C-alpha cells in the first residue's frame, strides 16, 4: 500500500509510436498507428462524469456505486496527483472500514466498442499492522448486447494472485510496480465495471487506482 506522501520509483507510460508501443498498447497487438488513449493526467480533482478519449473520438461516462457506504470521500474517483507505484496520475478509489464483502463499483460506458487495456494500480495486502487491508478487484466488460466479456489476460505484477477469469487479489504489501496489474481485453466492449472489494474483513483503509486506457 502506498502511504500518504510516499513517492514510488520512476516509470511512466512511454509515448506510443508505430515502432515502440508502451506495454499496455502492445498487449492488444501492433496497431499499425498510434493507439488511442485516455490519459488521466489531463484531469485534476475528481474524474469527470463525462469525458472523451484524447483524440475526442470516443465519449466515456463514468459513475461509481457505494452500496455499503465504505468509500472514502477523499478518494472517491479522485485523480492522484503524482506517481503511484511507478505510474503517473491514476484515478483512485479508497475504502475505509470495509468489512467482508463490502465493495465500491466503478463503471465506464464507452460511446463506441473498444478493446481497452489499462493498469490496476496498487492491488496488494497487508496484515498485522495498525492499518490492515486486502484488495480484491473484479473486472467485467459488456458488449453492446449486454453479454459479459471477461478480460483476455491479467499480467500480474507479483503482489497478487488471479482468483478466476475476472478477479485478482492482493497477497502482499507493495508500493512498487509489483503492485500493478495489466488488464487486457481482446473483444470489443461498451461497458467496463471494476469492483473494488474487501474479501478479508481486515477493515483498514485501502485503495486501488486505474491508470489510463489504451486501444487501437
C-alpha atoms as a PDB file:
ATOM      1  CA  UNK A   1       0.000   0.000   0.000  1.00  0.00           C
ATOM      2  CA  UNK A   2       1.403   3.386  -0.948  1.00  0.00           C
ATOM      3  CA  UNK A   3       1.299   5.605   2.148  1.00  0.00           C
ATOM      4  CA  UNK A   4       0.409   9.283   2.031  1.00  0.00           C
ATOM      5  CA  UNK A   5       3.340  11.350   0.893  1.00  0.00           C
ATOM      6  CA  UNK A   6       5.327   8.388  -0.435  1.00  0.00           C
ATOM      7  CA  UNK A   7       6.773   8.637  -3.923  1.00  0.00           C
ATOM      8  CA  UNK A   8       7.365   5.482  -5.955  1.00  0.00           C
ATOM      9  CA  UNK A   9      10.291   4.958  -8.306  1.00  0.00           C
ATOM     10  CA  UNK A  10      10.159   6.397 -11.813  1.00  0.00           C
ATOM     11  CA  UNK A  11       8.233   4.621 -14.522  1.00  0.00           C
ATOM     12  CA  UNK A  12       5.551   6.154 -16.691  1.00  0.00           C
ATOM     13  CA  UNK A  13       3.908   5.311 -19.992  1.00  0.00           C
ATOM     14  CA  UNK A  14       6.290   5.779 -22.900  1.00  0.00           C
ATOM     15  CA  UNK A  15       4.756   7.737 -25.753  1.00  0.00           C
ATOM     16  CA  UNK A  16       3.365   5.131 -28.168  1.00  0.00           C
ATOM     17  CA  UNK A  17       4.603   5.015 -31.744  1.00  0.00           C
ATOM     18  CA  UNK A  18       4.498   2.645 -34.684  1.00  0.00           C
ATOM     19  CA  UNK A  19       7.896   1.203 -33.767  1.00  0.00           C
ATOM     20  CA  UNK A  20       7.747   1.440 -29.991  1.00  0.00           C
ATOM     21  CA  UNK A  21       4.496   0.824 -28.141  1.00  0.00           C
ATOM     22  CA  UNK A  22       4.111   1.012 -24.379  1.00  0.00           C
ATOM     23  CA  UNK A  23       3.343  -2.286 -22.680  1.00  0.00           C
ATOM     24  CA  UNK A  24      -0.418  -1.818 -22.415  1.00  0.00           C
ATOM     25  CA  UNK A  25      -0.752  -0.847 -26.066  1.00  0.00           C
ATOM     26  CA  UNK A  26       1.452  -3.724 -27.170  1.00  0.00           C
ATOM     27  CA  UNK A  27      -0.776  -6.123 -25.227  1.00  0.00           C
ATOM     28  CA  UNK A  28      -3.583  -5.633 -27.751  1.00  0.00           C
ATOM     29  CA  UNK A  29      -1.212  -6.187 -30.669  1.00  0.00           C
ATOM     30  CA  UNK A  30       0.584  -3.858 -33.015  1.00  0.00           C
ATOM     31  CA  UNK A  31      -1.962  -1.257 -34.051  1.00  0.00           C
ATOM     32  CA  UNK A  32      -0.078  -0.052 -37.088  1.00  0.00           C
ATOM     33  CA  UNK A  33      -0.863   3.514 -35.962  1.00  0.00           C
ATOM     34  CA  UNK A  34      -0.531   5.359 -32.689  1.00  0.00           C
ATOM     35  CA  UNK A  35      -3.011   3.696 -30.297  1.00  0.00           C
ATOM     36  CA  UNK A  36      -5.963   5.655 -28.960  1.00  0.00           C
ATOM     37  CA  UNK A  37      -5.661   6.752 -25.361  1.00  0.00           C
ATOM     38  CA  UNK A  38      -7.305   8.331 -22.359  1.00  0.00           C
ATOM     39  CA  UNK A  39      -4.567   9.986 -20.315  1.00  0.00           C
ATOM     40  CA  UNK A  40      -5.927  10.684 -16.824  1.00  0.00           C
ATOM     41  CA  UNK A  41      -3.153  13.259 -16.339  1.00  0.00           C
ATOM     42  CA  UNK A  42      -5.394  15.621 -18.334  1.00  0.00           C
ATOM     43  CA  UNK A  43      -7.689  15.928 -15.301  1.00  0.00           C
ATOM     44  CA  UNK A  44      -7.430  17.161 -11.725  1.00  0.00           C
ATOM     45  CA  UNK A  45      -9.684  16.680  -8.729  1.00  0.00           C
ATOM     46  CA  UNK A  46     -12.410  14.132  -9.397  1.00  0.00           C
ATOM     47  CA  UNK A  47     -12.539  12.318 -12.722  1.00  0.00           C
ATOM     48  CA  UNK A  48     -15.355  13.998 -14.695  1.00  0.00           C
ATOM     49  CA  UNK A  49     -18.621  12.101 -15.084  1.00  0.00           C
ATOM     50  CA  UNK A  50     -18.289  12.571 -18.870  1.00  0.00           C
ATOM     51  CA  UNK A  51     -15.028  12.924 -20.792  1.00  0.00           C
ATOM     52  CA  UNK A  52     -13.536  11.948 -24.150  1.00  0.00           C
ATOM     53  CA  UNK A  53     -10.572   9.993 -25.420  1.00  0.00           C
ATOM     54  CA  UNK A  54      -7.537  12.160 -26.070  1.00  0.00           C
ATOM     55  CA  UNK A  55      -8.438  12.433 -29.770  1.00  0.00           C
ATOM     56  CA  UNK A  56     -12.066  13.324 -28.963  1.00  0.00           C
ATOM     57  CA  UNK A  57     -13.455  10.353 -30.925  1.00  0.00           C
ATOM     58  CA  UNK A  58     -14.909   8.327 -28.029  1.00  0.00           C
ATOM     59  CA  UNK A  59     -17.033   9.689 -25.172  1.00  0.00           C
ATOM     60  CA  UNK A  60     -16.814   7.905 -21.805  1.00  0.00           C
ATOM     61  CA  UNK A  61     -19.351   8.225 -18.993  1.00  0.00           C
ATOM     62  CA  UNK A  62     -18.005   7.485 -15.510  1.00  0.00           C
ATOM     63  CA  UNK A  63     -20.016   6.632 -12.400  1.00  0.00           C
ATOM     64  CA  UNK A  64     -19.468   4.984  -9.012  1.00  0.00           C
ATOM     65  CA  UNK A  65     -21.733   2.945  -6.750  1.00  0.00           C
ATOM     66  CA  UNK A  66     -21.076   2.681  -2.992  1.00  0.00           C
ATOM     67  CA  UNK A  67     -23.864   0.411  -1.643  1.00  0.00           C
ATOM     68  CA  UNK A  68     -22.182  -0.209   1.730  1.00  0.00           C
ATOM     69  CA  UNK A  69     -21.111   3.371   2.456  1.00  0.00           C
ATOM     70  CA  UNK A  70     -17.414   2.477   2.711  1.00  0.00           C
ATOM     71  CA  UNK A  71     -15.984   4.787   0.059  1.00  0.00           C
ATOM     72  CA  UNK A  72     -13.549   7.315   1.479  1.00  0.00           C
ATOM     73  CA  UNK A  73     -14.786  10.807   0.480  1.00  0.00           C
ATOM     74  CA  UNK A  74     -11.209  11.978  -0.077  1.00  0.00           C
ATOM     75  CA  UNK A  75     -10.596   9.239  -2.665  1.00  0.00           C
ATOM     76  CA  UNK A  76     -13.907   8.796  -4.474  1.00  0.00           C
ATOM     77  CA  UNK A  77     -12.725   8.765  -8.082  1.00  0.00           C
ATOM     78  CA  UNK A  78     -10.046  11.380  -7.413  1.00  0.00           C
ATOM     79  CA  UNK A  79      -7.072  11.808  -9.741  1.00  0.00           C
ATOM     80  CA  UNK A  80      -3.961  11.037  -7.678  1.00  0.00           C
ATOM     81  CA  UNK A  81      -1.504  13.905  -8.130  1.00  0.00           C
ATOM     82  CA  UNK A  82       1.915  12.450  -8.821  1.00  0.00           C
ATOM     83  CA  UNK A  83       3.399   8.991  -9.106  1.00  0.00           C
ATOM     84  CA  UNK A  84       1.806   5.849  -7.636  1.00  0.00           C
ATOM     85  CA  UNK A  85       3.671   2.559  -7.988  1.00  0.00           C
ATOM     86  CA  UNK A  86       5.605   3.927 -10.955  1.00  0.00           C
ATOM     87  CA  UNK A  87       2.564   5.273 -12.855  1.00  0.00           C
ATOM     88  CA  UNK A  88       1.528   8.916 -13.055  1.00  0.00           C
ATOM     89  CA  UNK A  89      -1.883  10.291 -12.063  1.00  0.00           C
ATOM     90  CA  UNK A  90      -4.195   7.265 -11.820  1.00  0.00           C
ATOM     91  CA  UNK A  91      -7.820   7.704 -10.790  1.00  0.00           C
ATOM     92  CA  UNK A  92      -8.190   6.288  -7.275  1.00  0.00           C
ATOM     93  CA  UNK A  93     -10.912   4.568  -5.270  1.00  0.00           C
ATOM     94  CA  UNK A  94     -10.416   4.434  -1.498  1.00  0.00           C
ATOM     95  CA  UNK A  95     -12.381   2.468   1.103  1.00  0.00           C
ATOM     96  CA  UNK A  96     -12.204   2.857   4.861  1.00  0.00           C
ATOM     97  CA  UNK A  97     -13.599   0.404   7.388  1.00  0.00           C
ATOM     98  CA  UNK A  98     -14.940  -2.061   4.823  1.00  0.00           C
ATOM     99  CA  UNK A  99     -15.929  -5.446   6.207  1.00  0.00           C
ATOM    100  CA  UNK A 100     -16.079  -8.785   4.416  1.00  0.00           C
ATOM    101  CA  UNK A 101     -17.915  -8.478   1.090  1.00  0.00           C
ATOM    102  CA  UNK A 102     -18.231  -4.669   1.065  1.00  0.00           C
ATOM    103  CA  UNK A 103     -17.327  -3.076  -2.257  1.00  0.00           C
ATOM    104  CA  UNK A 104     -17.383   0.018  -4.455  1.00  0.00           C
ATOM    105  CA  UNK A 105     -18.177  -0.355  -8.147  1.00  0.00           C
ATOM    106  CA  UNK A 106     -16.605   1.882 -10.815  1.00  0.00           C
ATOM    107  CA  UNK A 107     -18.344   1.951 -14.195  1.00  0.00           C
ATOM    108  CA  UNK A 108     -17.171   3.294 -17.551  1.00  0.00           C
ATOM    109  CA  UNK A 109     -19.556   3.441 -20.533  1.00  0.00           C
ATOM    110  CA  UNK A 110     -17.964   3.966 -23.970  1.00  0.00           C
ATOM    111  CA  UNK A 111     -19.826   5.611 -26.853  1.00  0.00           C
ATOM    112  CA  UNK A 112     -18.476   3.003 -29.260  1.00  0.00           C
ATOM    113  CA  UNK A 113     -16.981  -0.505 -28.854  1.00  0.00           C
ATOM    114  CA  UNK A 114     -13.331  -0.582 -27.777  1.00  0.00           C
ATOM    115  CA  UNK A 115     -10.822  -3.252 -26.686  1.00  0.00           C
ATOM    116  CA  UNK A 116      -9.167  -1.418 -23.801  1.00  0.00           C
ATOM    117  CA  UNK A 117      -6.034  -2.201 -21.883  1.00  0.00           C
ATOM    118  CA  UNK A 118      -5.111  -0.436 -18.641  1.00  0.00           C
ATOM    119  CA  UNK A 119      -3.339  -0.899 -15.330  1.00  0.00           C
ATOM    120  CA  UNK A 120      -4.912  -1.624 -11.976  1.00  0.00           C
ATOM    121  CA  UNK A 121      -2.587   0.178  -9.570  1.00  0.00           C
ATOM    122  CA  UNK A 122      -1.542  -0.838  -6.025  1.00  0.00           C
ATOM    123  CA  UNK A 123      -3.536  -4.081  -5.743  1.00  0.00           C
ATOM    124  CA  UNK A 124      -1.994  -5.536  -2.594  1.00  0.00           C
ATOM    125  CA  UNK A 125      -2.492  -6.640   1.010  1.00  0.00           C
ATOM    126  CA  UNK A 126      -1.075  -6.109   4.485  1.00  0.00           C
ATOM    127  CA  UNK A 127      -1.863  -7.733   7.820  1.00  0.00           C
ATOM    128  CA  UNK A 128      -0.732  -7.467  11.439  1.00  0.00           C
ATOM    129  CA  UNK A 129      -0.326  -3.702  11.256  1.00  0.00           C
ATOM    130  CA  UNK A 130      -2.425  -0.803  12.506  1.00  0.00           C
ATOM    131  CA  UNK A 131      -3.939  -0.405   9.033  1.00  0.00           C
ATOM    132  CA  UNK A 132      -4.749  -3.884   7.710  1.00  0.00           C
ATOM    133  CA  UNK A 133      -6.419  -4.390   4.329  1.00  0.00           C
ATOM    134  CA  UNK A 134      -6.736  -6.751   1.370  1.00  0.00           C
ATOM    135  CA  UNK A 135      -7.618  -5.539  -2.130  1.00  0.00           C
ATOM    136  CA  UNK A 136      -9.781  -7.754  -4.333  1.00  0.00           C
ATOM    137  CA  UNK A 137     -10.641  -6.358  -7.773  1.00  0.00           C
ATOM    138  CA  UNK A 138     -13.111  -7.812 -10.269  1.00  0.00           C
ATOM    139  CA  UNK A 139     -13.072  -6.576 -13.881  1.00  0.00           C
ATOM    140  CA  UNK A 140     -16.000  -7.276 -16.221  1.00  0.00           C
ATOM    141  CA  UNK A 141     -16.866  -5.915 -19.653  1.00  0.00           C
ATOM    142  CA  UNK A 142     -20.188  -5.895 -21.526  1.00  0.00           C
ATOM    143  CA  UNK A 143     -20.714  -5.774 -25.259  1.00  0.00           C
ATOM    144  CA  UNK A 144     -23.492  -3.852 -26.995  1.00  0.00           C
ATOM    145  CA  UNK A 145     -25.937  -6.708 -26.396  1.00  0.00           C
ATOM    146  CA  UNK A 146     -25.184  -6.865 -22.681  1.00  0.00           C
ATOM    147  CA  UNK A 147     -23.153 -10.085 -22.958  1.00  0.00           C
ATOM    148  CA  UNK A 148     -20.408 -10.372 -20.354  1.00  0.00           C
ATOM    149  CA  UNK A 149     -16.865 -10.182 -21.717  1.00  0.00           C
ATOM    150  CA  UNK A 150     -14.070 -11.229 -19.361  1.00  0.00           C
ATOM    151  CA  UNK A 151     -10.560  -9.801 -19.766  1.00  0.00           C
ATOM    152  CA  UNK A 152      -8.302 -11.700 -22.136  1.00  0.00           C
ATOM    153  CA  UNK A 153      -5.489 -11.538 -19.600  1.00  0.00           C
ATOM    154  CA  UNK A 154      -4.230 -10.203 -16.290  1.00  0.00           C
ATOM    155  CA  UNK A 155      -0.468  -9.631 -16.252  1.00  0.00           C
ATOM    156  CA  UNK A 156       0.255  -9.738 -12.523  1.00  0.00           C
ATOM    157  CA  UNK A 157       2.950  -7.549 -11.051  1.00  0.00           C
ATOM    158  CA  UNK A 158       3.849 -10.134  -8.396  1.00  0.00           C
ATOM    159  CA  UNK A 159       1.961  -8.883  -5.327  1.00  0.00           C
ATOM    160  CA  UNK A 160      -1.291 -10.564  -6.420  1.00  0.00           C
ATOM    161  CA  UNK A 161      -2.949 -13.851  -7.352  1.00  0.00           C
ATOM    162  CA  UNK A 162      -5.565 -14.330 -10.057  1.00  0.00           C
ATOM    163  CA  UNK A 163      -8.660 -15.858  -8.448  1.00  0.00           C
ATOM    164  CA  UNK A 164     -10.687 -16.507 -11.600  1.00  0.00           C
ATOM    165  CA  UNK A 165     -11.086 -15.211 -15.160  1.00  0.00           C
ATOM    166  CA  UNK A 166     -12.106 -11.743 -13.943  1.00  0.00           C
ATOM    167  CA  UNK A 167     -10.714 -11.317 -10.410  1.00  0.00           C
ATOM    168  CA  UNK A 168      -7.338 -10.594  -8.821  1.00  0.00           C
ATOM    169  CA  UNK A 169      -6.486 -10.364  -5.119  1.00  0.00           C
ATOM    170  CA  UNK A 170      -3.586  -8.738  -3.295  1.00  0.00           C
ATOM    171  CA  UNK A 171      -1.202 -11.024  -1.425  1.00  0.00           C
ATOM    172  CA  UNK A 172       1.472  -8.750  -0.024  1.00  0.00           C
ATOM    173  CA  UNK A 173       2.075  -5.042   0.501  1.00  0.00           C
ATOM    174  CA  UNK A 174       3.754  -3.180  -2.351  1.00  0.00           C
ATOM    175  CA  UNK A 175       4.430   0.423  -3.302  1.00  0.00           C
ATOM    176  CA  UNK A 176       6.359  -0.597  -6.426  1.00  0.00           C
ATOM    177  CA  UNK A 177       5.429  -1.848  -9.898  1.00  0.00           C
ATOM    178  CA  UNK A 178       4.831  -5.303  -8.387  1.00  0.00           C
ATOM    179  CA  UNK A 179       1.555  -3.886  -7.037  1.00  0.00           C
ATOM    180  CA  UNK A 180       0.227  -3.213 -10.546  1.00  0.00           C
ATOM    181  CA  UNK A 181      -1.803  -5.478 -12.840  1.00  0.00           C
ATOM    182  CA  UNK A 182      -2.057  -5.002 -16.605  1.00  0.00           C
ATOM    183  CA  UNK A 183      -5.598  -5.823 -17.796  1.00  0.00           C
ATOM    184  CA  UNK A 184      -6.236  -6.521 -21.473  1.00  0.00           C
ATOM    185  CA  UNK A 185      -9.451  -7.050 -23.428  1.00  0.00           C
ATOM    186  CA  UNK A 186      -9.298  -8.618 -26.890  1.00  0.00           C
ATOM    187  CA  UNK A 187     -13.037  -8.388 -27.589  1.00  0.00           C
ATOM    188  CA  UNK A 188     -14.910  -5.083 -28.004  1.00  0.00           C
ATOM    189  CA  UNK A 189     -16.859  -3.772 -25.030  1.00  0.00           C
ATOM    190  CA  UNK A 190     -19.052  -0.726 -24.455  1.00  0.00           C
ATOM    191  CA  UNK A 191     -19.169  -1.014 -20.657  1.00  0.00           C
ATOM    192  CA  UNK A 192     -16.422  -1.659 -18.123  1.00  0.00           C
ATOM    193  CA  UNK A 193     -17.145  -2.466 -14.476  1.00  0.00           C
ATOM    194  CA  UNK A 194     -14.333  -2.510 -11.918  1.00  0.00           C
ATOM    195  CA  UNK A 195     -15.379  -3.692  -8.451  1.00  0.00           C
ATOM    196  CA  UNK A 196     -13.029  -2.959  -5.537  1.00  0.00           C
ATOM    197  CA  UNK A 197     -13.981  -5.322  -2.737  1.00  0.00           C
ATOM    198  CA  UNK A 198     -12.814  -6.315   0.750  1.00  0.00           C
ATOM    199  CA  UNK A 199     -12.693 -10.111   0.974  1.00  0.00           C
ATOM    200  CA  UNK A 200     -10.744 -10.164   4.227  1.00  0.00           C
ATOM    201  CA  UNK A 201     -12.702  -8.194   6.834  1.00  0.00           C
ATOM    202  CA  UNK A 202      -9.424  -6.574   7.958  1.00  0.00           C
ATOM    203  CA  UNK A 203     -11.244  -3.219   7.923  1.00  0.00           C
ATOM    204  CA  UNK A 204      -8.337  -0.824   7.399  1.00  0.00           C
ATOM    205  CA  UNK A 205      -8.008   1.935   4.811  1.00  0.00           C
ATOM    206  CA  UNK A 206      -7.339   0.612   1.307  1.00  0.00           C
ATOM    207  CA  UNK A 207      -7.223   1.989  -2.206  1.00  0.00           C
ATOM    208  CA  UNK A 208      -6.626   0.964  -5.787  1.00  0.00           C
ATOM    209  CA  UNK A 209      -6.020   3.038  -8.888  1.00  0.00           C
ATOM    210  CA  UNK A 210      -6.804   2.776 -12.591  1.00  0.00           C
ATOM    211  CA  UNK A 211      -4.149   4.106 -14.951  1.00  0.00           C
ATOM    212  CA  UNK A 212      -5.092   5.269 -18.464  1.00  0.00           C
ATOM    213  CA  UNK A 213      -6.974   3.435 -21.211  1.00  0.00           C
ATOM    214  CA  UNK A 214      -5.379   2.340 -24.478  1.00  0.00           C
ATOM    215  CA  UNK A 215      -6.918   0.744 -27.545  1.00  0.00           C
ATOM    216  CA  UNK A 216      -6.301   0.504 -31.282  1.00  0.00           C
END
